[in-house]
Amino acid sequence: MNMDPYKRMLLFRAAHGKSMLSRYKAKLGHLLVVNEFDASLLSLPETDSLIDELRKKREVMCERIDFASLAECLGFASTIMSAHSYYLLMDEDWKYCGAYTAASNTPLRVQFDFDRYCSDEIRLINTELSMQVSIDYEECRGVGAVECYLRKYE
């Protein structure tokens, strides 16, 4: 049987995602102020399509934004996305479990602890695919450092 390479990769990712799903939902539960996740997870093909569509867009702005604290950064991301429904992609988990779709006014918990939940990246993309906030976290010698970028697309 000769299987399409993309379908083979989807099967591998889905199988791997099953073992990661409960941990992924726990991370989402600690980051977002929501209770239900199952209905809001995109399928892997839908997630791939989202990423493909975003890559086709032209980036018209990319601004690095500095914050005094991680809480301030998460508060900014929460505020800027509050008027939009958005896709949330955490770490590499989204590649195996799917992107999460958050309704408008779904806030982020500003006290989210990246170290505790073994997290290092959050991407918020509005559903119109016109704006993205990316947060990259890194710990170096016991001190957390965060990079935040605001991107806009046409």
C-alpha atoms as a PDB file:
ATOM      1  CA  MET A   1       0.000   0.000   0.000  1.00  0.00           C
ATOM      2  CA  ASN A   2       1.409   3.335  -1.061  1.00  0.00           C
ATOM      3  CA  MET A   3       0.314   6.152   1.271  1.00  0.00           C
ATOM      4  CA  ASP A   4       0.517   9.860   0.606  1.00  0.00           C
ATOM      5  CA  PRO A   5       3.476  11.251   2.656  1.00  0.00           C
ATOM      6  CA  TYR A   6       1.309  14.037   4.123  1.00  0.00           C
ATOM      7  CA  LYS A   7      -1.325  11.532   5.296  1.00  0.00           C
ATOM      8  CA  ARG A   8       1.410   9.335   6.775  1.00  0.00           C
ATOM      9  CA  MET A   9       2.798  12.354   8.658  1.00  0.00           C
ATOM     10  CA  LEU A  10      -0.712  13.254   9.888  1.00  0.00           C
ATOM     11  CA  LEU A  11      -1.160   9.733  11.252  1.00  0.00           C
ATOM     12  CA  PHE A  12       2.183   9.924  13.040  1.00  0.00           C
ATOM     13  CA  ARG A  13       1.403  13.361  14.490  1.00  0.00           C
ATOM     14  CA  ALA A  14      -2.093  12.299  15.583  1.00  0.00           C
ATOM     15  CA  ALA A  15      -0.751   9.168  17.286  1.00  0.00           C
ATOM     16  CA  HIS A  16       1.929  11.184  19.066  1.00  0.00           C
ATOM     17  CA  GLY A  17      -0.653  13.857  19.926  1.00  0.00           C
ATOM     18  CA  LYS A  18      -2.844  11.351  21.773  1.00  0.00           C
ATOM     19  CA  SER A  19      -0.053  10.805  24.288  1.00  0.00           C
ATOM     20  CA  MET A  20       0.454  14.573  24.685  1.00  0.00           C
ATOM     21  CA  LEU A  21      -3.167  15.730  24.751  1.00  0.00           C
ATOM     22  CA  SER A  22      -3.809  15.684  28.502  1.00  0.00           C
ATOM     23  CA  ARG A  23      -0.588  17.637  29.183  1.00  0.00           C
ATOM     24  CA  TYR A  24      -1.462  20.097  26.390  1.00  0.00           C
ATOM     25  CA  LYS A  25      -4.934  20.666  27.844  1.00  0.00           C
ATOM     26  CA  ALA A  26      -3.408  21.179  31.294  1.00  0.00           C
ATOM     27  CA  LYS A  27      -1.083  23.864  29.900  1.00  0.00           C
ATOM     28  CA  LEU A  28      -4.029  25.525  28.151  1.00  0.00           C
ATOM     29  CA  GLY A  29      -6.002  25.369  31.385  1.00  0.00           C
ATOM     30  CA  HIS A  30      -3.250  27.162  33.282  1.00  0.00           C
ATOM     31  CA  LEU A  31      -2.775  29.820  30.592  1.00  0.00           C
ATOM     32  CA  LEU A  32      -6.399  30.568  29.662  1.00  0.00           C
ATOM     33  CA  VAL A  33      -9.386  31.522  31.741  1.00  0.00           C
ATOM     34  CA  VAL A  34     -11.678  28.840  30.211  1.00  0.00           C
ATOM     35  CA  ASN A  35     -12.943  25.418  31.220  1.00  0.00           C
ATOM     36  CA  GLU A  36     -13.654  23.521  27.986  1.00  0.00           C
ATOM     37  CA  PHE A  37     -11.038  22.623  25.373  1.00  0.00           C
ATOM     38  CA  ASP A  38     -12.200  19.688  23.239  1.00  0.00           C
ATOM     39  CA  ALA A  39     -14.609  21.575  20.985  1.00  0.00           C
ATOM     40  CA  SER A  40     -12.097  24.366  20.441  1.00  0.00           C
ATOM     41  CA  LEU A  41      -9.133  22.342  19.207  1.00  0.00           C
ATOM     42  CA  LEU A  42      -8.633  22.437  15.451  1.00  0.00           C
ATOM     43  CA  SER A  43      -7.859  19.209  13.655  1.00  0.00           C
ATOM     44  CA  LEU A  44      -4.300  18.762  12.429  1.00  0.00           C
ATOM     45  CA  PRO A  45      -5.260  19.453   8.764  1.00  0.00           C
ATOM     46  CA  GLU A  46      -7.131  22.606   9.871  1.00  0.00           C
ATOM     47  CA  THR A  47      -4.099  23.699  11.890  1.00  0.00           C
ATOM     48  CA  ASP A  48      -1.785  23.068   8.928  1.00  0.00           C
ATOM     49  CA  SER A  49      -4.114  25.059   6.694  1.00  0.00           C
ATOM     50  CA  LEU A  50      -4.057  27.959   9.178  1.00  0.00           C
ATOM     51  CA  ILE A  51      -0.251  28.017   9.150  1.00  0.00           C
ATOM     52  CA  ASP A  52      -0.161  27.776   5.344  1.00  0.00           C
ATOM     53  CA  GLU A  53      -2.583  30.702   5.010  1.00  0.00           C
ATOM     54  CA  LEU A  54      -0.558  32.811   7.444  1.00  0.00           C
ATOM     55  CA  ARG A  55       2.641  32.096   5.489  1.00  0.00           C
ATOM     56  CA  LYS A  56       0.940  33.395   2.324  1.00  0.00           C
ATOM     57  CA  LYS A  57       0.226  36.734   3.976  1.00  0.00           C
ATOM     58  CA  ARG A  58       2.566  39.671   3.593  1.00  0.00           C
ATOM     59  CA  GLU A  59       4.050  40.863   6.870  1.00  0.00           C
ATOM     60  CA  VAL A  60       3.671  44.642   6.993  1.00  0.00           C
ATOM     61  CA  MET A  61       4.900  45.205  10.537  1.00  0.00           C
ATOM     62  CA  CYS A  62       7.094  43.393  13.035  1.00  0.00           C
ATOM     63  CA  GLU A  63       7.741  45.191  16.291  1.00  0.00           C
ATOM     64  CA  ARG A  64       9.637  43.870  19.281  1.00  0.00           C
ATOM     65  CA  ILE A  65       8.036  45.037  22.495  1.00  0.00           C
ATOM     66  CA  ASP A  66       9.948  45.024  25.774  1.00  0.00           C
ATOM     67  CA  PHE A  67       8.307  44.503  29.146  1.00  0.00           C
ATOM     68  CA  ALA A  68       9.468  44.852  32.729  1.00  0.00           C
ATOM     69  CA  SER A  69       7.863  41.536  33.668  1.00  0.00           C
ATOM     70  CA  LEU A  70       6.373  38.412  32.188  1.00  0.00           C
ATOM     71  CA  ALA A  71       3.004  39.299  33.727  1.00  0.00           C
ATOM     72  CA  GLU A  72       3.068  42.638  31.914  1.00  0.00           C
ATOM     73  CA  CYS A  73       3.822  40.837  28.625  1.00  0.00           C
ATOM     74  CA  LEU A  74       0.965  38.359  29.084  1.00  0.00           C
ATOM     75  CA  GLY A  75      -1.347  41.232  30.046  1.00  0.00           C
ATOM     76  CA  PHE A  76      -0.422  43.047  26.840  1.00  0.00           C
ATOM     77  CA  ALA A  77      -1.081  39.958  24.695  1.00  0.00           C
ATOM     78  CA  SER A  78      -4.397  39.376  26.458  1.00  0.00           C
ATOM     79  CA  THR A  79      -5.470  42.991  25.954  1.00  0.00           C
ATOM     80  CA  ILE A  80      -4.474  43.234  22.307  1.00  0.00           C
ATOM     81  CA  MET A  81      -6.374  40.035  21.466  1.00  0.00           C
ATOM     82  CA  SER A  82      -9.419  40.795  23.638  1.00  0.00           C
ATOM     83  CA  ALA A  83     -11.467  42.213  20.754  1.00  0.00           C
ATOM     84  CA  HIS A  84     -10.695  39.235  18.510  1.00  0.00           C
ATOM     85  CA  SER A  85     -11.256  35.530  18.483  1.00  0.00           C
ATOM     86  CA  TYR A  86      -7.831  34.005  18.060  1.00  0.00           C
ATOM     87  CA  TYR A  87      -5.796  30.865  17.551  1.00  0.00           C
ATOM     88  CA  LEU A  88      -3.421  29.838  20.307  1.00  0.00           C
ATOM     89  CA  LEU A  89      -0.373  27.734  19.527  1.00  0.00           C
ATOM     90  CA  MET A  90       1.744  26.621  22.490  1.00  0.00           C
ATOM     91  CA  ASP A  91       5.260  25.275  22.278  1.00  0.00           C
ATOM     92  CA  GLU A  92       5.528  22.410  19.788  1.00  0.00           C
ATOM     93  CA  ASP A  93       2.420  20.701  21.209  1.00  0.00           C
ATOM     94  CA  TRP A  94       0.084  22.338  18.685  1.00  0.00           C
ATOM     95  CA  LYS A  95       1.821  20.417  15.885  1.00  0.00           C
ATOM     96  CA  TYR A  96       0.538  17.170  17.410  1.00  0.00           C
ATOM     97  CA  CYS A  97      -2.676  18.239  19.148  1.00  0.00           C
ATOM     98  CA  GLY A  98      -3.959  21.111  16.999  1.00  0.00           C
ATOM     99  CA  ALA A  99      -4.288  24.843  17.517  1.00  0.00           C
ATOM    100  CA  TYR A 100      -6.766  26.066  20.115  1.00  0.00           C
ATOM    101  CA  THR A 101      -9.458  28.534  19.013  1.00  0.00           C
ATOM    102  CA  ALA A 102     -10.269  31.100  21.689  1.00  0.00           C
ATOM    103  CA  ALA A 103     -13.339  33.314  21.620  1.00  0.00           C
ATOM    104  CA  SER A 104     -12.937  37.074  21.837  1.00  0.00           C
ATOM    105  CA  ASN A 105     -12.529  38.281  25.406  1.00  0.00           C
ATOM    106  CA  THR A 106     -10.757  35.056  26.433  1.00  0.00           C
ATOM    107  CA  PRO A 107      -8.044  36.397  28.726  1.00  0.00           C
ATOM    108  CA  LEU A 108      -4.647  34.931  29.474  1.00  0.00           C
ATOM    109  CA  ARG A 109      -3.644  34.348  33.083  1.00  0.00           C
ATOM    110  CA  VAL A 110      -0.885  36.865  33.719  1.00  0.00           C
ATOM    111  CA  GLN A 111       0.517  34.642  36.470  1.00  0.00           C
ATOM    112  CA  PHE A 112       1.200  31.753  34.043  1.00  0.00           C
ATOM    113  CA  ASP A 113       4.498  30.103  35.037  1.00  0.00           C
ATOM    114  CA  PHE A 114       6.456  29.042  31.959  1.00  0.00           C
ATOM    115  CA  ASP A 115       8.972  27.064  34.014  1.00  0.00           C
ATOM    116  CA  ARG A 116       6.384  25.130  35.995  1.00  0.00           C
ATOM    117  CA  TYR A 117       4.516  24.049  32.860  1.00  0.00           C
ATOM    118  CA  CYS A 118       7.643  23.421  30.754  1.00  0.00           C
ATOM    119  CA  SER A 119       6.580  26.017  28.233  1.00  0.00           C
ATOM    120  CA  ASP A 120       8.716  28.322  26.122  1.00  0.00           C
ATOM    121  CA  GLU A 121       6.547  29.695  23.323  1.00  0.00           C
ATOM    122  CA  ILE A 122       3.062  31.111  22.872  1.00  0.00           C
ATOM    123  CA  ARG A 123       1.655  32.384  19.597  1.00  0.00           C
ATOM    124  CA  LEU A 124      -1.670  34.197  19.405  1.00  0.00           C
ATOM    125  CA  ILE A 125      -3.012  34.773  15.889  1.00  0.00           C
ATOM    126  CA  ASN A 126      -6.304  36.558  15.343  1.00  0.00           C
ATOM    127  CA  THR A 127      -8.783  34.564  13.272  1.00  0.00           C
ATOM    128  CA  GLU A 128      -8.670  37.188  10.505  1.00  0.00           C
ATOM    129  CA  LEU A 129      -4.954  36.301  10.170  1.00  0.00           C
ATOM    130  CA  SER A 130      -4.050  39.980  10.249  1.00  0.00           C
ATOM    131  CA  MET A 131      -2.170  40.070  13.554  1.00  0.00           C
ATOM    132  CA  GLN A 132       0.074  37.819  15.645  1.00  0.00           C
ATOM    133  CA  VAL A 133       1.607  38.176  19.093  1.00  0.00           C
ATOM    134  CA  SER A 134       4.484  35.805  19.740  1.00  0.00           C
ATOM    135  CA  ILE A 135       6.015  35.309  23.165  1.00  0.00           C
ATOM    136  CA  ASP A 136       9.252  33.381  23.536  1.00  0.00           C
ATOM    137  CA  TYR A 137      10.426  32.526  27.019  1.00  0.00           C
ATOM    138  CA  GLU A 138      13.885  31.385  28.008  1.00  0.00           C
ATOM    139  CA  GLU A 139      15.484  30.758  31.356  1.00  0.00           C
ATOM    140  CA  CYS A 140      19.167  31.463  31.741  1.00  0.00           C
ATOM    141  CA  ARG A 141      20.943  30.964  35.064  1.00  0.00           C
ATOM    142  CA  GLY A 142      17.691  30.994  36.967  1.00  0.00           C
ATOM    143  CA  VAL A 143      16.422  34.209  35.389  1.00  0.00           C
ATOM    144  CA  GLY A 144      13.546  34.192  32.922  1.00  0.00           C
ATOM    145  CA  ALA A 145      13.808  36.338  29.816  1.00  0.00           C
ATOM    146  CA  VAL A 146      10.960  37.026  27.446  1.00  0.00           C
ATOM    147  CA  GLU A 147      10.840  38.271  23.866  1.00  0.00           C
ATOM    148  CA  CYS A 148       7.546  39.563  22.532  1.00  0.00           C
ATOM    149  CA  TYR A 149       6.802  40.487  18.931  1.00  0.00           C
ATOM    150  CA  LEU A 150       3.705  42.051  17.431  1.00  0.00           C
ATOM    151  CA  ARG A 151       3.284  41.271  13.740  1.00  0.00           C
ATOM    152  CA  LYS A 152       0.675  42.561  11.317  1.00  0.00           C
ATOM    153  CA  TYR A 153      -0.219  41.050   7.958  1.00  0.00           C
ATOM    154  CA  GLU A 154      -2.058  41.933   4.753  1.00  0.00           C
END
